[in-house]
């Protein structure tokens, strides 16, 4: 199985250059996601129907529109959210200036789910980009047409240096989990969640797990 070490190394170099930290870059990428959705709504709905037999109304409401609205929310508020926030000071430091400055983590991994393959892939991506991170996306192989759509269209709209797609099944996911990320997000069952957590523990990588099923 292919090693993704060089890909992650290249992405980390881009992150360390500071490219993703600017407000301009983040907003540009968020607008690109909106364009991706607006310009391909019919294709998204058709793809979701082919994979999951979802009604068009459900696809538009709970897949496309929710992602678009999330991106708009960040665009409208990001400049304010990125500002340093005043921090409480202990008595010994009353003469100092103290603030909280939010910083991106680095290179993140999103392992998407099959049941809402657009929403549960693009929503985390929107958050990762808005926070100034690079991102590797691993769509669910259980929704193959949607995974193919994401693999084809995301590079058309988003920064290819900072956002990568890896399609495949268990071998590809296993290979990705051998690499060092700065945050891993997984949506799925608890059995795989334990595998993700165990792999992340090697580097003490922070993990977000949205688990369901038995």
C-alpha atoms as a PDB file:
ATOM      1  CA  UNK A   1       0.000   0.000   0.000  1.00  0.00           C
ATOM      2  CA  UNK A   2       1.164   3.491  -0.873  1.00  0.00           C
ATOM      3  CA  UNK A   3       2.743   5.575   1.860  1.00  0.00           C
ATOM      4  CA  UNK A   4       1.331   9.056   2.275  1.00  0.00           C
ATOM      5  CA  UNK A   5       4.330  10.360   4.188  1.00  0.00           C
ATOM      6  CA  UNK A   6       5.630  12.620   1.418  1.00  0.00           C
ATOM      7  CA  UNK A   7       2.187  14.090   0.804  1.00  0.00           C
ATOM      8  CA  UNK A   8       1.816  14.961   4.496  1.00  0.00           C
ATOM      9  CA  UNK A   9       5.362  16.345   4.601  1.00  0.00           C
ATOM     10  CA  UNK A  10       4.637  18.616   1.638  1.00  0.00           C
ATOM     11  CA  UNK A  11       1.390  19.819   3.201  1.00  0.00           C
ATOM     12  CA  UNK A  12       3.113  20.539   6.496  1.00  0.00           C
ATOM     13  CA  UNK A  13       5.726  22.606   4.651  1.00  0.00           C
ATOM     14  CA  UNK A  14       2.947  24.636   3.044  1.00  0.00           C
ATOM     15  CA  UNK A  15       1.312  25.115   6.435  1.00  0.00           C
ATOM     16  CA  UNK A  16       4.576  26.216   8.038  1.00  0.00           C
ATOM     17  CA  UNK A  17       4.975  28.836   5.305  1.00  0.00           C
ATOM     18  CA  UNK A  18       1.965  30.618   6.820  1.00  0.00           C
ATOM     19  CA  UNK A  19      -0.100  30.425   3.646  1.00  0.00           C
ATOM     20  CA  UNK A  20      -3.259  29.184   5.343  1.00  0.00           C
ATOM     21  CA  UNK A  21      -3.214  31.613   8.253  1.00  0.00           C
ATOM     22  CA  UNK A  22      -4.397  34.740   6.475  1.00  0.00           C
ATOM     23  CA  UNK A  23      -8.028  35.832   6.531  1.00  0.00           C
ATOM     24  CA  UNK A  24      -7.890  36.315   2.767  1.00  0.00           C
ATOM     25  CA  UNK A  25      -6.871  32.705   2.093  1.00  0.00           C
ATOM     26  CA  UNK A  26      -9.507  31.288   4.420  1.00  0.00           C
ATOM     27  CA  UNK A  27     -12.327  33.374   2.958  1.00  0.00           C
ATOM     28  CA  UNK A  28     -11.242  32.591  -0.603  1.00  0.00           C
ATOM     29  CA  UNK A  29     -11.401  28.856   0.109  1.00  0.00           C
ATOM     30  CA  UNK A  30     -14.773  29.133   1.848  1.00  0.00           C
ATOM     31  CA  UNK A  31     -16.190  31.029  -1.113  1.00  0.00           C
ATOM     32  CA  UNK A  32     -14.802  28.319  -3.372  1.00  0.00           C
ATOM     33  CA  UNK A  33     -16.770  25.702  -1.428  1.00  0.00           C
ATOM     34  CA  UNK A  34     -19.932  27.758  -1.911  1.00  0.00           C
ATOM     35  CA  UNK A  35     -19.206  27.941  -5.640  1.00  0.00           C
ATOM     36  CA  UNK A  36     -18.615  24.192  -5.750  1.00  0.00           C
ATOM     37  CA  UNK A  37     -22.043  23.613  -4.225  1.00  0.00           C
ATOM     38  CA  UNK A  38     -23.900  26.250  -6.258  1.00  0.00           C
ATOM     39  CA  UNK A  39     -22.425  25.195  -9.586  1.00  0.00           C
ATOM     40  CA  UNK A  40     -22.915  21.462  -9.029  1.00  0.00           C
ATOM     41  CA  UNK A  41     -26.128  21.151  -7.034  1.00  0.00           C
ATOM     42  CA  UNK A  42     -27.866  18.928  -9.566  1.00  0.00           C
ATOM     43  CA  UNK A  43     -24.853  16.646  -9.858  1.00  0.00           C
ATOM     44  CA  UNK A  44     -24.578  16.394  -6.075  1.00  0.00           C
ATOM     45  CA  UNK A  45     -28.240  15.399  -5.821  1.00  0.00           C
ATOM     46  CA  UNK A  46     -27.905  12.863  -8.640  1.00  0.00           C
ATOM     47  CA  UNK A  47     -24.796  11.374  -7.055  1.00  0.00           C
ATOM     48  CA  UNK A  48     -26.469  11.045  -3.664  1.00  0.00           C
ATOM     49  CA  UNK A  49     -29.464   9.389  -5.293  1.00  0.00           C
ATOM     50  CA  UNK A  50     -27.188   6.913  -7.062  1.00  0.00           C
ATOM     51  CA  UNK A  51     -25.371   6.043  -3.832  1.00  0.00           C
ATOM     52  CA  UNK A  52     -28.171   6.224  -1.274  1.00  0.00           C
ATOM     53  CA  UNK A  53     -31.453   6.818  -3.150  1.00  0.00           C
ATOM     54  CA  UNK A  54     -31.847  10.108  -1.323  1.00  0.00           C
ATOM     55  CA  UNK A  55     -34.717  12.338  -2.370  1.00  0.00           C
ATOM     56  CA  UNK A  56     -33.587  15.581  -3.963  1.00  0.00           C
ATOM     57  CA  UNK A  57     -35.214  17.661  -1.221  1.00  0.00           C
ATOM     58  CA  UNK A  58     -33.281  15.817   1.490  1.00  0.00           C
ATOM     59  CA  UNK A  59     -30.037  16.152  -0.445  1.00  0.00           C
ATOM     60  CA  UNK A  60     -30.493  19.882  -0.918  1.00  0.00           C
ATOM     61  CA  UNK A  61     -31.619  20.574   2.654  1.00  0.00           C
ATOM     62  CA  UNK A  62     -29.385  18.270   4.697  1.00  0.00           C
ATOM     63  CA  UNK A  63     -26.362  17.946   2.435  1.00  0.00           C
ATOM     64  CA  UNK A  64     -25.816  20.961   0.149  1.00  0.00           C
ATOM     65  CA  UNK A  65     -27.622  23.836   1.876  1.00  0.00           C
ATOM     66  CA  UNK A  66     -26.349  23.087   5.373  1.00  0.00           C
ATOM     67  CA  UNK A  67     -22.757  23.180   4.107  1.00  0.00           C
ATOM     68  CA  UNK A  68     -23.325  26.375   2.165  1.00  0.00           C
ATOM     69  CA  UNK A  69     -24.898  28.075   5.188  1.00  0.00           C
ATOM     70  CA  UNK A  70     -21.989  26.984   7.389  1.00  0.00           C
ATOM     71  CA  UNK A  71     -19.500  28.509   4.960  1.00  0.00           C
ATOM     72  CA  UNK A  72     -21.487  31.760   4.842  1.00  0.00           C
ATOM     73  CA  UNK A  73     -21.559  31.883   8.649  1.00  0.00           C
ATOM     74  CA  UNK A  74     -17.774  31.667   8.798  1.00  0.00           C
ATOM     75  CA  UNK A  75     -17.266  34.199   6.009  1.00  0.00           C
ATOM     76  CA  UNK A  76     -19.472  36.725   7.797  1.00  0.00           C
ATOM     77  CA  UNK A  77     -17.830  36.285  11.210  1.00  0.00           C
ATOM     78  CA  UNK A  78     -14.296  35.073  10.653  1.00  0.00           C
ATOM     79  CA  UNK A  79     -12.600  38.470  10.801  1.00  0.00           C
ATOM     80  CA  UNK A  80     -14.082  39.066  14.248  1.00  0.00           C
ATOM     81  CA  UNK A  81     -13.431  35.518  15.465  1.00  0.00           C
ATOM     82  CA  UNK A  82      -9.757  35.723  14.473  1.00  0.00           C
ATOM     83  CA  UNK A  83      -9.091  38.774  16.655  1.00  0.00           C
ATOM     84  CA  UNK A  84      -7.157  38.259  19.918  1.00  0.00           C
ATOM     85  CA  UNK A  85      -9.421  38.046  22.947  1.00  0.00           C
ATOM     86  CA  UNK A  86      -8.656  39.655  26.272  1.00  0.00           C
ATOM     87  CA  UNK A  87      -7.739  37.138  28.942  1.00  0.00           C
ATOM     88  CA  UNK A  88      -8.295  37.250  32.685  1.00  0.00           C
ATOM     89  CA  UNK A  89      -5.113  37.999  34.642  1.00  0.00           C
ATOM     90  CA  UNK A  90      -3.942  36.854  38.034  1.00  0.00           C
ATOM     91  CA  UNK A  91      -2.980  39.535  40.554  1.00  0.00           C
ATOM     92  CA  UNK A  92       0.735  38.981  39.961  1.00  0.00           C
ATOM     93  CA  UNK A  93       0.301  39.811  36.269  1.00  0.00           C
ATOM     94  CA  UNK A  94      -2.036  42.795  36.481  1.00  0.00           C
ATOM     95  CA  UNK A  95       0.546  45.073  34.830  1.00  0.00           C
ATOM     96  CA  UNK A  96       0.957  42.727  31.863  1.00  0.00           C
ATOM     97  CA  UNK A  97      -1.013  42.553  28.660  1.00  0.00           C
ATOM     98  CA  UNK A  98      -2.732  39.189  28.270  1.00  0.00           C
ATOM     99  CA  UNK A  99      -4.789  37.854  25.409  1.00  0.00           C
ATOM    100  CA  UNK A 100      -5.830  34.604  23.762  1.00  0.00           C
ATOM    101  CA  UNK A 101      -4.698  34.290  20.149  1.00  0.00           C
ATOM    102  CA  UNK A 102      -6.303  31.427  18.244  1.00  0.00           C
ATOM    103  CA  UNK A 103      -3.818  29.459  16.128  1.00  0.00           C
ATOM    104  CA  UNK A 104      -4.424  26.695  13.563  1.00  0.00           C
ATOM    105  CA  UNK A 105      -3.217  23.204  14.407  1.00  0.00           C
ATOM    106  CA  UNK A 106      -1.557  22.205  11.135  1.00  0.00           C
ATOM    107  CA  UNK A 107      -2.431  19.251   8.894  1.00  0.00           C
ATOM    108  CA  UNK A 108      -5.759  17.627   9.734  1.00  0.00           C
ATOM    109  CA  UNK A 109      -7.419  14.383   8.628  1.00  0.00           C
ATOM    110  CA  UNK A 110     -11.156  14.030   8.027  1.00  0.00           C
ATOM    111  CA  UNK A 111     -12.533  10.491   7.706  1.00  0.00           C
ATOM    112  CA  UNK A 112     -16.052  10.917   6.382  1.00  0.00           C
ATOM    113  CA  UNK A 113     -19.214   8.855   6.814  1.00  0.00           C
ATOM    114  CA  UNK A 114     -21.438   7.137   4.265  1.00  0.00           C
ATOM    115  CA  UNK A 115     -24.900   8.226   5.432  1.00  0.00           C
ATOM    116  CA  UNK A 116     -24.405  11.966   4.839  1.00  0.00           C
ATOM    117  CA  UNK A 117     -21.306  11.839   2.659  1.00  0.00           C
ATOM    118  CA  UNK A 118     -21.402  15.478   1.561  1.00  0.00           C
ATOM    119  CA  UNK A 119     -22.427  17.034   4.871  1.00  0.00           C
ATOM    120  CA  UNK A 120     -20.126  14.929   7.062  1.00  0.00           C
ATOM    121  CA  UNK A 121     -17.185  15.636   4.780  1.00  0.00           C
ATOM    122  CA  UNK A 122     -17.647  19.282   3.819  1.00  0.00           C
ATOM    123  CA  UNK A 123     -18.788  20.580   7.222  1.00  0.00           C
ATOM    124  CA  UNK A 124     -15.569  19.467   8.955  1.00  0.00           C
ATOM    125  CA  UNK A 125     -13.586  20.717   5.952  1.00  0.00           C
ATOM    126  CA  UNK A 126     -15.206  24.139   6.272  1.00  0.00           C
ATOM    127  CA  UNK A 127     -14.260  24.256   9.952  1.00  0.00           C
ATOM    128  CA  UNK A 128     -10.702  23.111   9.280  1.00  0.00           C
ATOM    129  CA  UNK A 129     -10.189  25.700   6.546  1.00  0.00           C
ATOM    130  CA  UNK A 130     -11.812  28.485   8.567  1.00  0.00           C
ATOM    131  CA  UNK A 131      -9.387  27.687  11.389  1.00  0.00           C
ATOM    132  CA  UNK A 132      -6.442  27.982   8.988  1.00  0.00           C
ATOM    133  CA  UNK A 133      -5.484  24.328   8.611  1.00  0.00           C
ATOM    134  CA  UNK A 134      -4.434  22.100   5.748  1.00  0.00           C
ATOM    135  CA  UNK A 135      -6.663  19.072   5.344  1.00  0.00           C
ATOM    136  CA  UNK A 136      -6.613  15.516   4.016  1.00  0.00           C
ATOM    137  CA  UNK A 137     -10.068  14.134   3.251  1.00  0.00           C
ATOM    138  CA  UNK A 138     -10.841  10.413   3.231  1.00  0.00           C
ATOM    139  CA  UNK A 139     -14.442  10.006   1.994  1.00  0.00           C
ATOM    140  CA  UNK A 140     -16.383   6.884   2.848  1.00  0.00           C
ATOM    141  CA  UNK A 141     -15.947   4.069   0.345  1.00  0.00           C
ATOM    142  CA  UNK A 142     -19.540   3.053   1.154  1.00  0.00           C
ATOM    143  CA  UNK A 143     -20.760   6.002  -0.938  1.00  0.00           C
ATOM    144  CA  UNK A 144     -18.451   5.496  -3.933  1.00  0.00           C
ATOM    145  CA  UNK A 145     -20.077   7.861  -6.427  1.00  0.00           C
ATOM    146  CA  UNK A 146     -20.005  10.690  -3.906  1.00  0.00           C
ATOM    147  CA  UNK A 147     -16.371   9.908  -3.126  1.00  0.00           C
ATOM    148  CA  UNK A 148     -15.592  10.072  -6.850  1.00  0.00           C
ATOM    149  CA  UNK A 149     -17.416  13.396  -7.104  1.00  0.00           C
ATOM    150  CA  UNK A 150     -15.398  14.866  -4.235  1.00  0.00           C
ATOM    151  CA  UNK A 151     -12.153  13.531  -5.687  1.00  0.00           C
ATOM    152  CA  UNK A 152     -12.904  15.155  -9.032  1.00  0.00           C
ATOM    153  CA  UNK A 153     -14.389  18.484  -7.977  1.00  0.00           C
ATOM    154  CA  UNK A 154     -12.620  19.549  -4.791  1.00  0.00           C
ATOM    155  CA  UNK A 155      -9.260  19.977  -6.587  1.00  0.00           C
ATOM    156  CA  UNK A 156     -11.044  22.088  -9.212  1.00  0.00           C
ATOM    157  CA  UNK A 157     -12.195  24.601  -6.621  1.00  0.00           C
ATOM    158  CA  UNK A 158      -9.867  24.447  -3.621  1.00  0.00           C
ATOM    159  CA  UNK A 159      -6.158  25.028  -3.088  1.00  0.00           C
ATOM    160  CA  UNK A 160      -4.488  21.806  -4.245  1.00  0.00           C
ATOM    161  CA  UNK A 161      -1.476  22.351  -1.987  1.00  0.00           C
ATOM    162  CA  UNK A 162      -3.579  22.560   1.145  1.00  0.00           C
ATOM    163  CA  UNK A 163      -6.535  20.234   0.555  1.00  0.00           C
ATOM    164  CA  UNK A 164      -6.018  16.650  -0.610  1.00  0.00           C
ATOM    165  CA  UNK A 165      -8.414  13.760  -1.245  1.00  0.00           C
ATOM    166  CA  UNK A 166      -7.577  10.102  -0.698  1.00  0.00           C
ATOM    167  CA  UNK A 167     -10.123   7.588  -1.965  1.00  0.00           C
ATOM    168  CA  UNK A 168     -10.160   3.895  -1.183  1.00  0.00           C
ATOM    169  CA  UNK A 169     -11.103   1.492   1.567  1.00  0.00           C
ATOM    170  CA  UNK A 170      -9.582   0.018   4.698  1.00  0.00           C
ATOM    171  CA  UNK A 171      -6.006  -0.248   3.318  1.00  0.00           C
ATOM    172  CA  UNK A 172      -5.920   3.438   2.401  1.00  0.00           C
ATOM    173  CA  UNK A 173      -7.379   4.504   5.741  1.00  0.00           C
ATOM    174  CA  UNK A 174      -4.909   2.282   7.584  1.00  0.00           C
ATOM    175  CA  UNK A 175      -2.013   3.789   5.637  1.00  0.00           C
ATOM    176  CA  UNK A 176      -3.197   7.317   6.417  1.00  0.00           C
ATOM    177  CA  UNK A 177      -3.488   6.544  10.126  1.00  0.00           C
ATOM    178  CA  UNK A 178       0.176   5.559  10.197  1.00  0.00           C
ATOM    179  CA  UNK A 179       1.083   9.173   9.407  1.00  0.00           C
ATOM    180  CA  UNK A 180       1.361  12.037  11.849  1.00  0.00           C
ATOM    181  CA  UNK A 181      -1.513  14.513  11.758  1.00  0.00           C
ATOM    182  CA  UNK A 182      -2.270  17.448  14.031  1.00  0.00           C
ATOM    183  CA  UNK A 183      -5.964  16.554  14.391  1.00  0.00           C
ATOM    184  CA  UNK A 184      -8.060  13.601  13.245  1.00  0.00           C
ATOM    185  CA  UNK A 185     -11.841  13.709  12.879  1.00  0.00           C
ATOM    186  CA  UNK A 186     -13.725  10.464  12.361  1.00  0.00           C
ATOM    187  CA  UNK A 187     -17.455   9.914  11.953  1.00  0.00           C
ATOM    188  CA  UNK A 188     -18.697   6.327  12.102  1.00  0.00           C
ATOM    189  CA  UNK A 189     -18.994   3.318  14.376  1.00  0.00           C
ATOM    190  CA  UNK A 190     -17.286   2.815  17.707  1.00  0.00           C
ATOM    191  CA  UNK A 191     -15.236  -0.184  16.546  1.00  0.00           C
ATOM    192  CA  UNK A 192     -13.384   1.877  13.950  1.00  0.00           C
ATOM    193  CA  UNK A 193     -13.343   4.798  16.377  1.00  0.00           C
ATOM    194  CA  UNK A 194     -11.201   2.709  18.725  1.00  0.00           C
ATOM    195  CA  UNK A 195      -8.816   1.928  15.867  1.00  0.00           C
ATOM    196  CA  UNK A 196      -8.537   5.624  15.027  1.00  0.00           C
ATOM    197  CA  UNK A 197      -7.929   6.512  18.670  1.00  0.00           C
ATOM    198  CA  UNK A 198      -5.267   3.831  19.032  1.00  0.00           C
ATOM    199  CA  UNK A 199      -3.452   4.994  15.894  1.00  0.00           C
ATOM    200  CA  UNK A 200      -3.594   8.615  17.031  1.00  0.00           C
ATOM    201  CA  UNK A 201      -2.119   7.732  20.418  1.00  0.00           C
ATOM    202  CA  UNK A 202       1.270   7.013  18.822  1.00  0.00           C
ATOM    203  CA  UNK A 203       1.793  10.743  18.303  1.00  0.00           C
ATOM    204  CA  UNK A 204      -0.666  11.980  20.966  1.00  0.00           C
ATOM    205  CA  UNK A 205      -2.718  13.420  18.117  1.00  0.00           C
ATOM    206  CA  UNK A 206      -5.959  15.130  19.208  1.00  0.00           C
ATOM    207  CA  UNK A 207      -9.019  13.233  17.974  1.00  0.00           C
ATOM    208  CA  UNK A 208     -12.659  14.178  17.430  1.00  0.00           C
ATOM    209  CA  UNK A 209     -14.960  11.153  17.256  1.00  0.00           C
ATOM    210  CA  UNK A 210     -18.635  11.255  16.291  1.00  0.00           C
ATOM    211  CA  UNK A 211     -19.713   7.696  16.972  1.00  0.00           C
ATOM    212  CA  UNK A 212     -22.904   5.771  16.400  1.00  0.00           C
ATOM    213  CA  UNK A 213     -24.040   2.200  15.975  1.00  0.00           C
ATOM    214  CA  UNK A 214     -22.914  -0.755  18.062  1.00  0.00           C
END
